[in-house]
Amino acid sequence: MGQSNEPAGFKLFVGGIPWKYSDEDLREHFSQYGNVISANVIVEKVGEHAGKSRGFGFVIYERKEDSEEAIRVLHESEIEGRKVQSWKPDSVELTSPGADHSQSCD
């Protein structure tokens, strides 16, 4: 396997984040539950919406316990009127129907 450029830690998928959220907004919101190593809002790369948020991202915590607390508290909560969903990317039971699971998030 190739080496990942991601920092080591405990990664969460976060869906339903506000469209205007930046990486820093995501980090700030999730840092209430522990030390966030990395927070990335996924943006469109091409086309007329290039650079705009796709409404989801990833947060990496330093400690497993903190990532689990964030999931417990934030999954199905609301941020600025949008229902947030958060889980570990390798968690099969919480993935959305129809999602493409062919690529590993590791």
N, C-alpha and C. Protein backbone atom coordinates (compact mmCIF):
# COMPACT_ATOMS: atom_id res chain seq x y z
N MET A 1 0.83 -1.20 0.00
CA MET A 1 0.00 0.00 0.00
C MET A 1 0.86 1.25 0.00
N GLY A 2 0.38 2.31 -0.62
CA GLY A 2 1.09 3.58 -0.63
C GLY A 2 0.92 4.31 0.69
N GLN A 3 1.79 5.24 0.92
CA GLN A 3 1.71 6.01 2.16
C GLN A 3 0.72 7.16 2.00
N SER A 4 0.00 7.43 3.07
CA SER A 4 -0.99 8.51 3.07
C SER A 4 -0.33 9.81 3.48
N ASN A 5 -0.83 10.92 2.93
CA ASN A 5 -0.34 12.23 3.33
C ASN A 5 -1.10 12.78 4.53
N GLU A 6 -2.11 12.03 5.01
CA GLU A 6 -2.92 12.49 6.14
C GLU A 6 -2.17 12.30 7.44
N PRO A 7 -2.42 13.19 8.40
CA PRO A 7 -1.82 13.00 9.71
C PRO A 7 -2.41 11.76 10.39
N ALA A 8 -1.62 11.12 11.24
CA ALA A 8 -2.12 9.96 11.99
C ALA A 8 -3.15 10.44 13.00
N GLY A 9 -4.18 9.67 13.20
CA GLY A 9 -5.22 10.04 14.16
C GLY A 9 -6.49 9.27 13.88
N PHE A 10 -7.60 9.76 14.38
CA PHE A 10 -8.89 9.09 14.30
C PHE A 10 -9.83 9.94 13.45
N LYS A 11 -10.11 9.45 12.25
CA LYS A 11 -10.81 10.21 11.22
C LYS A 11 -12.32 10.02 11.30
N LEU A 12 -13.03 11.13 11.12
CA LEU A 12 -14.49 11.12 11.05
C LEU A 12 -14.93 11.73 9.73
N PHE A 13 -15.96 11.14 9.14
CA PHE A 13 -16.67 11.76 8.03
C PHE A 13 -17.72 12.66 8.65
N VAL A 14 -17.91 13.86 8.10
CA VAL A 14 -18.93 14.78 8.59
C VAL A 14 -19.75 15.26 7.40
N GLY A 15 -21.03 14.89 7.38
CA GLY A 15 -21.92 15.30 6.30
C GLY A 15 -22.93 16.31 6.79
N GLY A 16 -23.45 17.10 5.88
CA GLY A 16 -24.49 18.07 6.23
C GLY A 16 -23.97 19.35 6.85
N ILE A 17 -22.69 19.64 6.69
CA ILE A 17 -22.16 20.87 7.28
C ILE A 17 -22.66 22.08 6.48
N PRO A 18 -22.76 23.22 7.12
CA PRO A 18 -23.23 24.41 6.42
C PRO A 18 -22.38 24.70 5.18
N TRP A 19 -23.04 25.12 4.11
CA TRP A 19 -22.36 25.37 2.84
C TRP A 19 -21.24 26.40 2.98
N LYS A 20 -21.40 27.36 3.89
CA LYS A 20 -20.40 28.43 4.01
C LYS A 20 -19.21 28.04 4.89
N TYR A 21 -19.24 26.87 5.52
CA TYR A 21 -18.16 26.47 6.42
C TYR A 21 -16.83 26.33 5.69
N SER A 22 -15.78 26.85 6.35
CA SER A 22 -14.41 26.68 5.88
C SER A 22 -13.75 25.58 6.71
N ASP A 23 -12.53 25.22 6.36
CA ASP A 23 -11.77 24.26 7.16
C ASP A 23 -11.69 24.74 8.61
N GLU A 24 -11.42 26.02 8.79
CA GLU A 24 -11.28 26.58 10.14
C GLU A 24 -12.59 26.53 10.92
N ASP A 25 -13.72 26.81 10.26
CA ASP A 25 -15.02 26.70 10.93
C ASP A 25 -15.26 25.28 11.40
N LEU A 26 -14.96 24.31 10.54
CA LEU A 26 -15.15 22.91 10.88
C LEU A 26 -14.26 22.53 12.06
N ARG A 27 -13.00 22.95 12.01
CA ARG A 27 -12.06 22.67 13.11
C ARG A 27 -12.56 23.27 14.42
N GLU A 28 -12.98 24.51 14.37
CA GLU A 28 -13.45 25.20 15.57
C GLU A 28 -14.66 24.49 16.18
N HIS A 29 -15.61 24.10 15.35
CA HIS A 29 -16.82 23.45 15.86
C HIS A 29 -16.49 22.10 16.50
N PHE A 30 -15.65 21.30 15.86
CA PHE A 30 -15.36 19.97 16.36
C PHE A 30 -14.30 19.96 17.47
N SER A 31 -13.54 21.02 17.63
CA SER A 31 -12.52 21.06 18.67
C SER A 31 -13.12 21.17 20.08
N GLN A 32 -14.43 21.38 20.16
CA GLN A 32 -15.10 21.36 21.47
C GLN A 32 -14.96 20.00 22.15
N TYR A 33 -14.69 18.97 21.36
CA TYR A 33 -14.69 17.60 21.88
C TYR A 33 -13.30 16.98 21.95
N GLY A 34 -12.28 17.74 21.63
CA GLY A 34 -10.93 17.23 21.74
C GLY A 34 -9.99 17.92 20.76
N ASN A 35 -8.73 17.47 20.77
CA ASN A 35 -7.71 18.06 19.91
C ASN A 35 -7.88 17.60 18.47
N VAL A 36 -8.26 18.54 17.60
CA VAL A 36 -8.43 18.25 16.18
C VAL A 36 -7.09 18.47 15.49
N ILE A 37 -6.59 17.42 14.85
CA ILE A 37 -5.32 17.49 14.13
C ILE A 37 -5.54 18.12 12.76
N SER A 38 -6.67 17.79 12.15
CA SER A 38 -6.94 18.26 10.79
C SER A 38 -8.46 18.34 10.58
N ALA A 39 -8.89 19.35 9.84
CA ALA A 39 -10.30 19.49 9.46
C ALA A 39 -10.33 20.00 8.02
N ASN A 40 -11.02 19.26 7.15
CA ASN A 40 -11.05 19.62 5.74
C ASN A 40 -12.46 19.56 5.19
N VAL A 41 -12.93 20.69 4.68
CA VAL A 41 -14.20 20.76 3.96
C VAL A 41 -13.89 20.40 2.51
N ILE A 42 -14.65 19.47 1.95
CA ILE A 42 -14.43 19.05 0.58
C ILE A 42 -15.13 20.04 -0.36
N VAL A 43 -14.40 20.50 -1.36
CA VAL A 43 -14.94 21.50 -2.29
C VAL A 43 -14.96 20.94 -3.71
N GLU A 44 -15.84 21.51 -4.53
CA GLU A 44 -15.89 21.15 -5.95
C GLU A 44 -14.56 21.55 -6.58
N LYS A 45 -14.05 20.71 -7.46
CA LYS A 45 -12.75 21.00 -8.08
C LYS A 45 -12.86 21.58 -9.48
N VAL A 46 -13.96 21.29 -10.16
CA VAL A 46 -14.11 21.78 -11.54
C VAL A 46 -15.52 22.29 -11.77
N GLY A 47 -15.67 22.98 -12.89
CA GLY A 47 -16.99 23.43 -13.29
C GLY A 47 -17.38 24.76 -12.67
N GLU A 48 -18.65 25.09 -12.87
CA GLU A 48 -19.14 26.40 -12.42
C GLU A 48 -19.14 26.55 -10.90
N HIS A 49 -19.11 25.44 -10.16
CA HIS A 49 -19.12 25.50 -8.70
C HIS A 49 -17.74 25.24 -8.09
N ALA A 50 -16.71 25.30 -8.89
CA ALA A 50 -15.34 25.06 -8.40
C ALA A 50 -15.04 25.96 -7.20
N GLY A 51 -14.49 25.36 -6.17
CA GLY A 51 -14.13 26.10 -4.96
C GLY A 51 -15.25 26.19 -3.94
N LYS A 52 -16.46 25.76 -4.29
CA LYS A 52 -17.60 25.80 -3.36
C LYS A 52 -17.68 24.50 -2.58
N SER A 53 -18.12 24.59 -1.34
CA SER A 53 -18.25 23.43 -0.47
C SER A 53 -19.23 22.41 -1.06
N ARG A 54 -18.93 21.13 -0.86
CA ARG A 54 -19.84 20.06 -1.25
C ARG A 54 -20.73 19.65 -0.09
N GLY A 55 -20.58 20.32 1.07
CA GLY A 55 -21.44 20.06 2.22
C GLY A 55 -20.98 18.92 3.12
N PHE A 56 -19.75 18.46 2.90
CA PHE A 56 -19.21 17.43 3.78
C PHE A 56 -17.70 17.61 3.90
N GLY A 57 -17.13 16.90 4.86
CA GLY A 57 -15.70 17.00 5.08
C GLY A 57 -15.21 15.92 6.01
N PHE A 58 -13.98 16.07 6.45
CA PHE A 58 -13.35 15.09 7.34
C PHE A 58 -12.66 15.82 8.48
N VAL A 59 -12.75 15.23 9.66
CA VAL A 59 -12.09 15.75 10.85
C VAL A 59 -11.23 14.62 11.40
N ILE A 60 -10.00 14.94 11.78
CA ILE A 60 -9.12 13.94 12.38
C ILE A 60 -8.77 14.39 13.80
N TYR A 61 -9.09 13.52 14.75
CA TYR A 61 -8.80 13.76 16.16
C TYR A 61 -7.52 13.06 16.56
N GLU A 62 -6.86 13.62 17.54
CA GLU A 62 -5.65 13.01 18.09
C GLU A 62 -5.99 11.73 18.87
N ARG A 63 -7.10 11.76 19.61
CA ARG A 63 -7.45 10.63 20.48
C ARG A 63 -8.76 9.96 20.03
N LYS A 64 -8.77 8.64 20.09
CA LYS A 64 -9.96 7.86 19.72
C LYS A 64 -11.16 8.25 20.58
N GLU A 65 -10.95 8.44 21.87
CA GLU A 65 -12.04 8.78 22.79
C GLU A 65 -12.72 10.08 22.39
N ASP A 66 -11.93 11.05 21.94
CA ASP A 66 -12.49 12.34 21.52
C ASP A 66 -13.32 12.18 20.25
N SER A 67 -12.83 11.37 19.32
CA SER A 67 -13.60 11.15 18.08
C SER A 67 -14.92 10.46 18.39
N GLU A 68 -14.89 9.52 19.31
CA GLU A 68 -16.13 8.82 19.69
C GLU A 68 -17.11 9.74 20.40
N GLU A 69 -16.61 10.65 21.22
CA GLU A 69 -17.47 11.62 21.90
C GLU A 69 -18.10 12.57 20.88
N ALA A 70 -17.32 13.01 19.90
CA ALA A 70 -17.86 13.90 18.87
C ALA A 70 -18.98 13.20 18.09
N ILE A 71 -18.78 11.94 17.75
CA ILE A 71 -19.84 11.19 17.05
C ILE A 71 -21.07 11.11 17.94
N ARG A 72 -20.88 10.76 19.20
CA ARG A 72 -22.00 10.59 20.12
C ARG A 72 -22.81 11.88 20.25
N VAL A 73 -22.14 12.99 20.36
CA VAL A 73 -22.82 14.27 20.59
C VAL A 73 -23.33 14.90 19.29
N LEU A 74 -22.55 14.83 18.23
CA LEU A 74 -22.88 15.60 17.03
C LEU A 74 -23.67 14.86 15.96
N HIS A 75 -23.65 13.53 15.94
CA HIS A 75 -24.39 12.80 14.91
C HIS A 75 -25.88 13.10 15.05
N GLU A 76 -26.49 13.53 13.97
CA GLU A 76 -27.90 13.90 13.91
C GLU A 76 -28.21 15.22 14.63
N SER A 77 -27.19 15.99 14.99
CA SER A 77 -27.43 17.32 15.58
C SER A 77 -27.58 18.32 14.45
N GLU A 78 -27.83 19.59 14.79
CA GLU A 78 -27.97 20.63 13.77
C GLU A 78 -26.90 21.70 13.96
N ILE A 79 -26.38 22.14 12.83
CA ILE A 79 -25.47 23.29 12.80
C ILE A 79 -26.07 24.26 11.79
N GLU A 80 -26.44 25.43 12.26
CA GLU A 80 -27.01 26.47 11.41
C GLU A 80 -28.14 25.92 10.53
N GLY A 81 -29.02 25.13 11.16
CA GLY A 81 -30.20 24.62 10.48
C GLY A 81 -29.99 23.40 9.60
N ARG A 82 -28.78 22.89 9.52
CA ARG A 82 -28.50 21.69 8.72
C ARG A 82 -28.24 20.51 9.64
N LYS A 83 -28.83 19.37 9.34
CA LYS A 83 -28.63 18.16 10.14
C LYS A 83 -27.27 17.56 9.81
N VAL A 84 -26.44 17.44 10.83
CA VAL A 84 -25.09 16.93 10.67
C VAL A 84 -25.07 15.44 10.95
N GLN A 85 -24.32 14.74 10.14
CA GLN A 85 -24.10 13.32 10.35
C GLN A 85 -22.60 13.10 10.47
N SER A 86 -22.19 12.33 11.46
CA SER A 86 -20.76 12.07 11.61
C SER A 86 -20.55 10.62 11.98
N TRP A 87 -19.51 10.03 11.39
CA TRP A 87 -19.16 8.64 11.70
C TRP A 87 -17.75 8.37 11.22
N LYS A 88 -17.23 7.23 11.63
CA LYS A 88 -15.92 6.78 11.17
C LYS A 88 -16.10 6.32 9.72
N PRO A 89 -15.22 6.70 8.82
CA PRO A 89 -15.39 6.35 7.40
C PRO A 89 -15.50 4.86 7.14
N ASP A 90 -14.93 4.02 7.98
CA ASP A 90 -14.99 2.58 7.76
C ASP A 90 -16.22 1.94 8.40
N SER A 91 -17.13 2.75 8.94
CA SER A 91 -18.32 2.25 9.62
C SER A 91 -19.40 1.93 8.60
N VAL A 92 -19.69 0.67 8.41
CA VAL A 92 -20.66 0.24 7.41
C VAL A 92 -22.08 0.58 7.82
N GLU A 93 -22.41 0.42 9.10
CA GLU A 93 -23.79 0.57 9.53
C GLU A 93 -24.34 1.99 9.41
N LEU A 94 -23.50 3.00 9.32
CA LEU A 94 -23.99 4.36 9.25
C LEU A 94 -23.83 5.00 7.87
N THR A 95 -23.35 4.24 6.90
CA THR A 95 -23.15 4.84 5.58
C THR A 95 -24.48 5.07 4.89
N SER A 96 -24.50 6.06 4.01
CA SER A 96 -25.75 6.41 3.33
C SER A 96 -26.03 5.44 2.19
N PRO A 97 -27.32 5.19 1.95
CA PRO A 97 -27.69 4.32 0.83
C PRO A 97 -27.23 4.95 -0.48
N GLY A 98 -26.70 4.14 -1.37
CA GLY A 98 -26.30 4.62 -2.68
C GLY A 98 -24.93 5.26 -2.71
N ALA A 99 -24.27 5.35 -1.57
CA ALA A 99 -22.94 5.96 -1.54
C ALA A 99 -21.93 5.03 -2.20
N ASP A 100 -20.91 5.59 -2.84
CA ASP A 100 -19.87 4.79 -3.47
C ASP A 100 -18.84 4.42 -2.41
N HIS A 101 -18.76 3.12 -2.12
CA HIS A 101 -17.83 2.65 -1.09
C HIS A 101 -16.65 1.92 -1.70
N SER A 102 -16.40 2.13 -2.98
CA SER A 102 -15.33 1.41 -3.65
C SER A 102 -13.95 1.92 -3.32
N GLN A 103 -13.86 3.15 -2.80
CA GLN A 103 -12.56 3.71 -2.47
C GLN A 103 -12.36 3.72 -0.97
N SER A 104 -11.19 3.32 -0.55
CA SER A 104 -10.87 3.30 0.87
C SER A 104 -10.59 4.71 1.35
N CYS A 105 -10.96 5.00 2.60
CA CYS A 105 -10.68 6.31 3.20
C CYS A 105 -9.45 6.27 4.05
N ASP A 106 -8.74 5.14 4.07
CA ASP A 106 -7.54 5.02 4.91
C ASP A 106 -6.36 5.70 4.32
